[in-house]
Amino acid sequence: MSGERIVGRAHFIAVNSDDGYADERSVELLRILADGNLVVTEVEIPQDHVVHRAVSLWTVRDGEMVGAREYWTTPGQDPAPRWRAGYVEPLAAD
């Protein structure tokens, strides 16, 4: 977790349009769910030899995004604890 908060519309647009993301523009939408004022999205972002996944919780009022929280992970990058080996099986890439 980066421990950052983007404050304000202009900063959100600037962060997401900066050239620092130039090599991460391929985003695949895996899922979108909407219920009232909450929209949940799941995306995949391939980059070099790794794939990142992000789940975002978007708060919407009057058709505008007014808040968001994102959780990022890199599936398969964390080693599985050995003690769980007898209880689990590896996931196939989906």
C-alpha atoms as a PDB file:
ATOM      1  CA  MET A   1       0.000   0.000   0.000  1.00  0.00           C
ATOM      2  CA  SER A   2       1.423   3.378  -0.978  1.00  0.00           C
ATOM      3  CA  GLY A   3      -0.252   5.225   1.898  1.00  0.00           C
ATOM      4  CA  GLU A   4      -1.363   8.100  -0.325  1.00  0.00           C
ATOM      5  CA  ARG A   5      -4.574  10.042  -0.769  1.00  0.00           C
ATOM      6  CA  ILE A   6      -5.381  12.046  -3.878  1.00  0.00           C
ATOM      7  CA  VAL A   7      -7.262  15.190  -2.871  1.00  0.00           C
ATOM      8  CA  GLY A   8      -9.452  16.952  -5.415  1.00  0.00           C
ATOM      9  CA  ARG A   9     -10.601  16.459  -8.974  1.00  0.00           C
ATOM     10  CA  ALA A  10      -7.645  18.253 -10.592  1.00  0.00           C
ATOM     11  CA  HIS A  11      -5.123  16.115  -8.696  1.00  0.00           C
ATOM     12  CA  PHE A  12      -6.991  12.893  -9.557  1.00  0.00           C
ATOM     13  CA  ILE A  13      -6.913  13.793 -13.260  1.00  0.00           C
ATOM     14  CA  ALA A  14      -3.238  14.805 -13.084  1.00  0.00           C
ATOM     15  CA  VAL A  15      -2.157  11.588 -11.355  1.00  0.00           C
ATOM     16  CA  ASN A  16      -4.040   9.401 -13.833  1.00  0.00           C
ATOM     17  CA  SER A  17      -2.881  11.259 -16.942  1.00  0.00           C
ATOM     18  CA  ASP A  18       0.792  11.768 -15.996  1.00  0.00           C
ATOM     19  CA  ASP A  19       3.443  10.219 -18.253  1.00  0.00           C
ATOM     20  CA  GLY A  20       4.557   8.081 -15.307  1.00  0.00           C
ATOM     21  CA  TYR A  21       1.753   5.714 -16.315  1.00  0.00           C
ATOM     22  CA  ALA A  22       2.679   5.699 -19.999  1.00  0.00           C
ATOM     23  CA  ASP A  23       3.777   2.034 -19.887  1.00  0.00           C
ATOM     24  CA  GLU A  24       0.703   0.960 -17.873  1.00  0.00           C
ATOM     25  CA  ARG A  25      -2.084   2.062 -20.225  1.00  0.00           C
ATOM     26  CA  SER A  26      -3.328  -1.450 -20.995  1.00  0.00           C
ATOM     27  CA  VAL A  27      -6.179  -1.950 -18.519  1.00  0.00           C
ATOM     28  CA  GLU A  28      -8.673  -4.788 -18.783  1.00  0.00           C
ATOM     29  CA  LEU A  29     -11.987  -4.371 -16.997  1.00  0.00           C
ATOM     30  CA  LEU A  30     -12.803  -7.718 -15.370  1.00  0.00           C
ATOM     31  CA  ARG A  31     -15.922  -6.782 -13.418  1.00  0.00           C
ATOM     32  CA  ILE A  32     -18.156  -3.853 -12.593  1.00  0.00           C
ATOM     33  CA  LEU A  33     -20.934  -3.872 -10.012  1.00  0.00           C
ATOM     34  CA  ALA A  34     -23.221  -0.969  -9.167  1.00  0.00           C
ATOM     35  CA  ASP A  35     -25.648  -0.642  -6.282  1.00  0.00           C
ATOM     36  CA  GLY A  36     -27.083   2.756  -5.457  1.00  0.00           C
ATOM     37  CA  ASN A  37     -24.227   5.149  -4.731  1.00  0.00           C
ATOM     38  CA  LEU A  38     -21.524   2.468  -4.786  1.00  0.00           C
ATOM     39  CA  VAL A  39     -19.704   1.196  -7.883  1.00  0.00           C
ATOM     40  CA  VAL A  40     -17.112  -1.579  -7.576  1.00  0.00           C
ATOM     41  CA  THR A  41     -14.629  -2.276 -10.366  1.00  0.00           C
ATOM     42  CA  GLU A  42     -11.985  -4.970 -10.784  1.00  0.00           C
ATOM     43  CA  VAL A  43      -9.254  -4.426 -13.377  1.00  0.00           C
ATOM     44  CA  GLU A  44      -6.051  -6.101 -14.541  1.00  0.00           C
ATOM     45  CA  ILE A  45      -2.990  -4.129 -15.620  1.00  0.00           C
ATOM     46  CA  PRO A  46      -0.232  -6.159 -17.308  1.00  0.00           C
ATOM     47  CA  GLN A  47       3.228  -4.646 -16.974  1.00  0.00           C
ATOM     48  CA  ASP A  48       6.438  -6.273 -18.173  1.00  0.00           C
ATOM     49  CA  HIS A  49       6.520  -9.755 -16.574  1.00  0.00           C
ATOM     50  CA  VAL A  50       3.856  -9.186 -13.911  1.00  0.00           C
ATOM     51  CA  VAL A  51       0.110  -8.547 -13.810  1.00  0.00           C
ATOM     52  CA  HIS A  52      -1.409  -6.184 -11.257  1.00  0.00           C
ATOM     53  CA  ARG A  53      -5.035  -6.345 -10.124  1.00  0.00           C
ATOM     54  CA  ALA A  54      -6.988  -3.508  -8.577  1.00  0.00           C
ATOM     55  CA  VAL A  55     -10.381  -3.435  -6.907  1.00  0.00           C
ATOM     56  CA  SER A  56     -11.850   0.048  -6.605  1.00  0.00           C
ATOM     57  CA  LEU A  57     -14.794   1.186  -4.512  1.00  0.00           C
ATOM     58  CA  TRP A  58     -16.287   4.331  -6.064  1.00  0.00           C
ATOM     59  CA  THR A  59     -18.788   6.530  -4.232  1.00  0.00           C
ATOM     60  CA  VAL A  60     -21.099   8.312  -6.679  1.00  0.00           C
ATOM     61  CA  ARG A  61     -23.530  11.164  -6.033  1.00  0.00           C
ATOM     62  CA  ASP A  62     -25.640  12.869  -8.692  1.00  0.00           C
ATOM     63  CA  GLY A  63     -23.706  11.071 -11.426  1.00  0.00           C
ATOM     64  CA  GLU A  64     -20.267  12.232 -10.215  1.00  0.00           C
ATOM     65  CA  MET A  65     -17.510  10.309  -8.470  1.00  0.00           C
ATOM     66  CA  VAL A  66     -17.090  11.883  -5.030  1.00  0.00           C
ATOM     67  CA  GLY A  67     -14.863   9.319  -3.350  1.00  0.00           C
ATOM     68  CA  ALA A  68     -12.836   6.210  -4.002  1.00  0.00           C
ATOM     69  CA  ARG A  69     -10.721   3.596  -2.299  1.00  0.00           C
ATOM     70  CA  GLU A  70      -8.492   1.149  -4.197  1.00  0.00           C
ATOM     71  CA  TYR A  71      -6.798  -2.086  -3.263  1.00  0.00           C
ATOM     72  CA  TRP A  72      -3.953  -3.361  -5.459  1.00  0.00           C
ATOM     73  CA  THR A  73      -2.352  -6.784  -5.547  1.00  0.00           C
ATOM     74  CA  THR A  74      -0.080  -8.838  -7.740  1.00  0.00           C
ATOM     75  CA  PRO A  75      -1.556 -12.371  -7.889  1.00  0.00           C
ATOM     76  CA  GLY A  76       0.940 -15.174  -7.369  1.00  0.00           C
ATOM     77  CA  GLN A  77       3.770 -12.930  -6.182  1.00  0.00           C
ATOM     78  CA  ASP A  78       3.488 -13.682  -2.461  1.00  0.00           C
ATOM     79  CA  PRO A  79       4.833 -17.062  -1.392  1.00  0.00           C
ATOM     80  CA  ALA A  80       2.245 -19.439   0.050  1.00  0.00           C
ATOM     81  CA  PRO A  81       2.967 -20.529   3.633  1.00  0.00           C
ATOM     82  CA  ARG A  82       4.170 -24.149   3.716  1.00  0.00           C
ATOM     83  CA  TRP A  83       1.802 -25.086   6.550  1.00  0.00           C
ATOM     84  CA  ARG A  84      -1.201 -24.660   4.222  1.00  0.00           C
ATOM     85  CA  ALA A  85       0.070 -27.128   1.576  1.00  0.00           C
ATOM     86  CA  GLY A  86      -2.179 -29.967   2.795  1.00  0.00           C
ATOM     87  CA  TYR A  87      -5.297 -27.780   2.617  1.00  0.00           C
ATOM     88  CA  VAL A  88      -4.964 -25.930  -0.691  1.00  0.00           C
ATOM     89  CA  GLU A  89      -4.224 -26.399  -4.371  1.00  0.00           C
ATOM     90  CA  PRO A  90      -2.613 -23.901  -6.744  1.00  0.00           C
ATOM     91  CA  LEU A  91      -4.933 -21.673  -8.768  1.00  0.00           C
ATOM     92  CA  ALA A  92      -4.789 -21.843 -12.536  1.00  0.00           C
ATOM     93  CA  ALA A  93      -4.425 -18.467 -14.226  1.00  0.00           C
ATOM     94  CA  ASP A  94      -7.883 -17.076 -14.997  1.00  0.00           C
END
